[in-house]
Amino acid sequence: MGQLKVMIVEDHPLMQMGIKRTLEKFDDIRVVGEASTGKRAMEIVDYAKPDVIIMDVKLPESRYFTYRYRNSKAFEALSFFTDFAVG
């Protein structure tokens, strides 16, 4: 079995870097693309062809981000977020 191709879509640079560094520790995972907006993600996904997209649910320009590959291979997305109470 080949490597799992992952794309990271996150607008916070430190979070994006942390996710990438964590994934790079695994030999069977390869980060094939990174974007900080939904618009940029749509541009990259065409040529990166990721198997999985890890995406910030509150990302600019991607409120209802849905995508299908041109060859009709669909992927499912799981998104989550955590709000922290301060004070």
N, C-alpha and C. Protein backbone atom coordinates (compact mmCIF):
# COMPACT_ATOMS: atom_id res chain seq x y z
N MET A 1 0.84 -1.18 0.00
CA MET A 1 0.00 0.00 0.00
C MET A 1 0.88 1.25 0.00
N GLY A 2 0.51 2.25 -0.78
CA GLY A 2 1.30 3.47 -0.88
C GLY A 2 1.02 4.43 0.26
N GLN A 3 1.62 5.58 0.15
CA GLN A 3 1.45 6.61 1.16
C GLN A 3 0.07 7.26 1.06
N LEU A 4 -0.46 7.65 2.21
CA LEU A 4 -1.69 8.41 2.28
C LEU A 4 -1.34 9.86 1.98
N LYS A 5 -1.98 10.44 0.97
CA LYS A 5 -1.70 11.82 0.58
C LYS A 5 -2.65 12.75 1.33
N VAL A 6 -2.07 13.69 2.07
CA VAL A 6 -2.84 14.58 2.92
C VAL A 6 -2.62 16.04 2.52
N MET A 7 -3.70 16.80 2.53
CA MET A 7 -3.62 18.24 2.30
C MET A 7 -4.08 18.95 3.57
N ILE A 8 -3.37 20.01 3.96
CA ILE A 8 -3.68 20.77 5.16
C ILE A 8 -4.22 22.13 4.74
N VAL A 9 -5.40 22.47 5.25
CA VAL A 9 -6.01 23.77 4.96
C VAL A 9 -6.28 24.45 6.30
N GLU A 10 -5.44 25.40 6.64
CA GLU A 10 -5.47 26.04 7.96
C GLU A 10 -4.92 27.46 7.83
N ASP A 11 -5.64 28.43 8.39
CA ASP A 11 -5.20 29.83 8.25
C ASP A 11 -4.28 30.31 9.36
N HIS A 12 -4.06 29.52 10.38
CA HIS A 12 -3.13 29.89 11.45
C HIS A 12 -1.79 29.19 11.18
N PRO A 13 -0.74 29.97 10.86
CA PRO A 13 0.54 29.37 10.47
C PRO A 13 1.12 28.39 11.48
N LEU A 14 1.04 28.69 12.77
CA LEU A 14 1.61 27.77 13.77
C LEU A 14 0.84 26.45 13.82
N MET A 15 -0.47 26.52 13.68
CA MET A 15 -1.28 25.31 13.67
C MET A 15 -0.97 24.48 12.42
N GLN A 16 -0.87 25.15 11.28
CA GLN A 16 -0.55 24.46 10.03
C GLN A 16 0.81 23.77 10.13
N MET A 17 1.79 24.48 10.68
CA MET A 17 3.13 23.92 10.84
C MET A 17 3.11 22.73 11.80
N GLY A 18 2.37 22.84 12.89
CA GLY A 18 2.30 21.75 13.87
C GLY A 18 1.67 20.50 13.29
N ILE A 19 0.60 20.68 12.53
CA ILE A 19 -0.06 19.53 11.89
C ILE A 19 0.91 18.87 10.90
N LYS A 20 1.57 19.70 10.09
CA LYS A 20 2.50 19.16 9.10
C LYS A 20 3.64 18.40 9.75
N ARG A 21 4.24 18.99 10.76
CA ARG A 21 5.36 18.31 11.45
C ARG A 21 4.93 17.00 12.09
N THR A 22 3.73 16.98 12.64
CA THR A 22 3.22 15.74 13.23
C THR A 22 3.03 14.67 12.17
N LEU A 23 2.42 15.04 11.05
CA LEU A 23 2.17 14.07 9.98
C LEU A 23 3.46 13.56 9.35
N GLU A 24 4.46 14.42 9.26
CA GLU A 24 5.74 14.03 8.64
C GLU A 24 6.50 12.98 9.45
N LYS A 25 6.08 12.73 10.66
CA LYS A 25 6.72 11.70 11.49
C LYS A 25 6.32 10.30 11.05
N PHE A 26 5.29 10.19 10.23
CA PHE A 26 4.79 8.89 9.79
C PHE A 26 5.24 8.62 8.36
N ASP A 27 5.88 7.47 8.16
CA ASP A 27 6.39 7.11 6.84
C ASP A 27 5.29 6.88 5.81
N ASP A 28 4.10 6.49 6.26
CA ASP A 28 3.03 6.17 5.33
C ASP A 28 2.08 7.35 5.07
N ILE A 29 2.49 8.57 5.48
CA ILE A 29 1.72 9.78 5.22
C ILE A 29 2.62 10.79 4.53
N ARG A 30 2.07 11.42 3.47
CA ARG A 30 2.82 12.46 2.76
C ARG A 30 1.93 13.69 2.61
N VAL A 31 2.40 14.84 3.05
CA VAL A 31 1.67 16.09 2.88
C VAL A 31 1.89 16.56 1.45
N VAL A 32 0.80 16.64 0.68
CA VAL A 32 0.90 16.98 -0.75
C VAL A 32 0.45 18.41 -1.05
N GLY A 33 -0.08 19.10 -0.05
CA GLY A 33 -0.50 20.47 -0.29
C GLY A 33 -0.85 21.18 1.00
N GLU A 34 -0.69 22.50 0.97
CA GLU A 34 -1.04 23.34 2.11
C GLU A 34 -1.69 24.61 1.59
N ALA A 35 -2.72 25.08 2.28
CA ALA A 35 -3.39 26.31 1.89
C ALA A 35 -3.89 27.01 3.15
N SER A 36 -4.06 28.33 3.04
CA SER A 36 -4.56 29.09 4.19
C SER A 36 -5.94 29.67 3.95
N THR A 37 -6.53 29.44 2.77
CA THR A 37 -7.90 29.86 2.49
C THR A 37 -8.60 28.76 1.69
N GLY A 38 -9.92 28.76 1.75
CA GLY A 38 -10.68 27.80 0.96
C GLY A 38 -10.47 28.00 -0.53
N LYS A 39 -10.37 29.25 -0.94
CA LYS A 39 -10.13 29.55 -2.36
C LYS A 39 -8.82 28.95 -2.84
N ARG A 40 -7.77 29.12 -2.06
CA ARG A 40 -6.46 28.56 -2.43
C ARG A 40 -6.51 27.03 -2.39
N ALA A 41 -7.24 26.47 -1.45
CA ALA A 41 -7.37 25.01 -1.36
C ALA A 41 -8.00 24.45 -2.63
N MET A 42 -9.02 25.13 -3.16
CA MET A 42 -9.66 24.67 -4.38
C MET A 42 -8.69 24.69 -5.56
N GLU A 43 -7.77 25.65 -5.57
CA GLU A 43 -6.77 25.71 -6.64
C GLU A 43 -5.77 24.56 -6.52
N ILE A 44 -5.36 24.26 -5.31
CA ILE A 44 -4.32 23.24 -5.08
C ILE A 44 -4.86 21.83 -5.22
N VAL A 45 -6.08 21.58 -4.80
CA VAL A 45 -6.61 20.22 -4.75
C VAL A 45 -6.65 19.56 -6.13
N ASP A 46 -6.80 20.35 -7.18
CA ASP A 46 -6.83 19.79 -8.54
C ASP A 46 -5.55 19.07 -8.92
N TYR A 47 -4.41 19.64 -8.55
CA TYR A 47 -3.16 18.97 -8.93
C TYR A 47 -2.55 18.14 -7.81
N ALA A 48 -2.87 18.45 -6.54
CA ALA A 48 -2.31 17.68 -5.43
C ALA A 48 -3.00 16.32 -5.27
N LYS A 49 -4.29 16.26 -5.60
CA LYS A 49 -5.09 15.03 -5.51
C LYS A 49 -4.91 14.30 -4.17
N PRO A 50 -5.22 14.99 -3.06
CA PRO A 50 -5.07 14.35 -1.75
C PRO A 50 -6.11 13.26 -1.52
N ASP A 51 -5.75 12.30 -0.68
CA ASP A 51 -6.71 11.30 -0.23
C ASP A 51 -7.53 11.84 0.94
N VAL A 52 -6.90 12.70 1.72
CA VAL A 52 -7.51 13.27 2.92
C VAL A 52 -7.20 14.77 2.97
N ILE A 53 -8.19 15.55 3.39
CA ILE A 53 -7.98 16.98 3.61
C ILE A 53 -8.27 17.28 5.07
N ILE A 54 -7.28 17.85 5.74
CA ILE A 54 -7.46 18.30 7.12
C ILE A 54 -7.69 19.80 7.04
N MET A 55 -8.88 20.24 7.48
CA MET A 55 -9.27 21.62 7.24
C MET A 55 -9.89 22.28 8.47
N ASP A 56 -9.51 23.51 8.70
CA ASP A 56 -10.07 24.34 9.75
C ASP A 56 -11.53 24.64 9.41
N VAL A 57 -12.43 24.35 10.32
CA VAL A 57 -13.86 24.55 10.07
C VAL A 57 -14.25 26.03 9.99
N LYS A 58 -13.48 26.90 10.59
CA LYS A 58 -13.77 28.33 10.56
C LYS A 58 -12.82 29.08 9.61
N LEU A 59 -12.47 28.44 8.55
CA LEU A 59 -11.51 28.99 7.60
C LEU A 59 -12.14 30.06 6.71
N PRO A 60 -11.42 31.15 6.44
CA PRO A 60 -11.93 32.17 5.52
C PRO A 60 -12.17 31.59 4.12
N GLU A 61 -13.20 32.07 3.46
CA GLU A 61 -13.52 31.70 2.07
C GLU A 61 -13.88 30.23 1.90
N SER A 62 -14.43 29.59 2.91
CA SER A 62 -14.76 28.17 2.75
C SER A 62 -15.91 27.73 3.63
N ARG A 63 -16.89 28.55 3.78
CA ARG A 63 -17.97 28.26 4.72
C ARG A 63 -18.60 26.89 4.49
N TYR A 64 -18.88 26.53 3.28
CA TYR A 64 -19.46 25.21 2.98
C TYR A 64 -18.60 24.50 1.94
N PHE A 65 -17.39 24.23 2.32
CA PHE A 65 -16.41 23.63 1.42
C PHE A 65 -16.78 22.18 1.11
N THR A 66 -17.07 21.93 -0.15
CA THR A 66 -17.36 20.58 -0.63
C THR A 66 -16.66 20.42 -1.96
N TYR A 67 -16.09 19.28 -2.20
CA TYR A 67 -15.37 19.08 -3.45
C TYR A 67 -15.49 17.63 -3.90
N ARG A 68 -15.61 17.45 -5.19
CA ARG A 68 -15.56 16.11 -5.76
C ARG A 68 -14.47 16.08 -6.82
N TYR A 69 -13.70 15.01 -6.82
CA TYR A 69 -12.66 14.86 -7.84
C TYR A 69 -13.29 14.76 -9.21
N ARG A 70 -12.55 15.19 -10.21
CA ARG A 70 -13.07 15.15 -11.58
C ARG A 70 -13.41 13.73 -12.04
N ASN A 71 -12.75 12.74 -11.47
CA ASN A 71 -13.03 11.35 -11.85
C ASN A 71 -14.18 10.75 -11.02
N SER A 72 -14.94 11.61 -10.35
CA SER A 72 -16.11 11.24 -9.55
C SER A 72 -15.77 10.52 -8.26
N LYS A 73 -14.52 10.42 -7.92
CA LYS A 73 -14.13 9.83 -6.64
C LYS A 73 -14.40 10.88 -5.57
N ALA A 74 -15.36 10.62 -4.72
CA ALA A 74 -15.74 11.60 -3.69
C ALA A 74 -15.00 11.30 -2.40
N PHE A 75 -14.82 12.31 -1.62
CA PHE A 75 -14.23 12.10 -0.30
C PHE A 75 -15.17 12.67 0.74
N GLU A 76 -15.04 12.17 1.94
CA GLU A 76 -15.85 12.66 3.05
C GLU A 76 -14.96 13.50 3.94
N ALA A 77 -15.53 14.54 4.48
CA ALA A 77 -14.77 15.42 5.36
C ALA A 77 -15.37 15.39 6.76
N LEU A 78 -14.52 15.37 7.74
CA LEU A 78 -14.92 15.47 9.13
C LEU A 78 -14.30 16.73 9.66
N SER A 79 -15.12 17.61 10.17
CA SER A 79 -14.59 18.85 10.71
C SER A 79 -15.03 19.00 12.15
N PHE A 80 -14.20 19.66 12.91
CA PHE A 80 -14.52 19.90 14.31
C PHE A 80 -13.83 21.17 14.75
N PHE A 81 -14.32 21.73 15.84
CA PHE A 81 -13.67 22.89 16.40
C PHE A 81 -13.87 22.90 17.91
N THR A 82 -13.00 23.61 18.54
CA THR A 82 -13.05 23.74 20.00
C THR A 82 -12.97 25.21 20.35
N ASP A 83 -13.90 25.65 21.16
CA ASP A 83 -13.85 27.02 21.69
C ASP A 83 -13.38 26.94 23.13
N PHE A 84 -12.43 27.78 23.46
CA PHE A 84 -11.92 27.81 24.82
C PHE A 84 -12.49 29.02 25.54
N ALA A 85 -12.98 28.79 26.75
CA ALA A 85 -13.43 29.90 27.57
C ALA A 85 -12.24 30.47 28.30
N VAL A 86 -12.08 31.76 28.24
CA VAL A 86 -10.96 32.42 28.90
C VAL A 86 -11.51 33.28 30.02
N GLY A 87 -10.89 33.12 31.21
CA GLY A 87 -11.26 33.99 32.33
C GLY A 87 -12.26 33.44 33.25
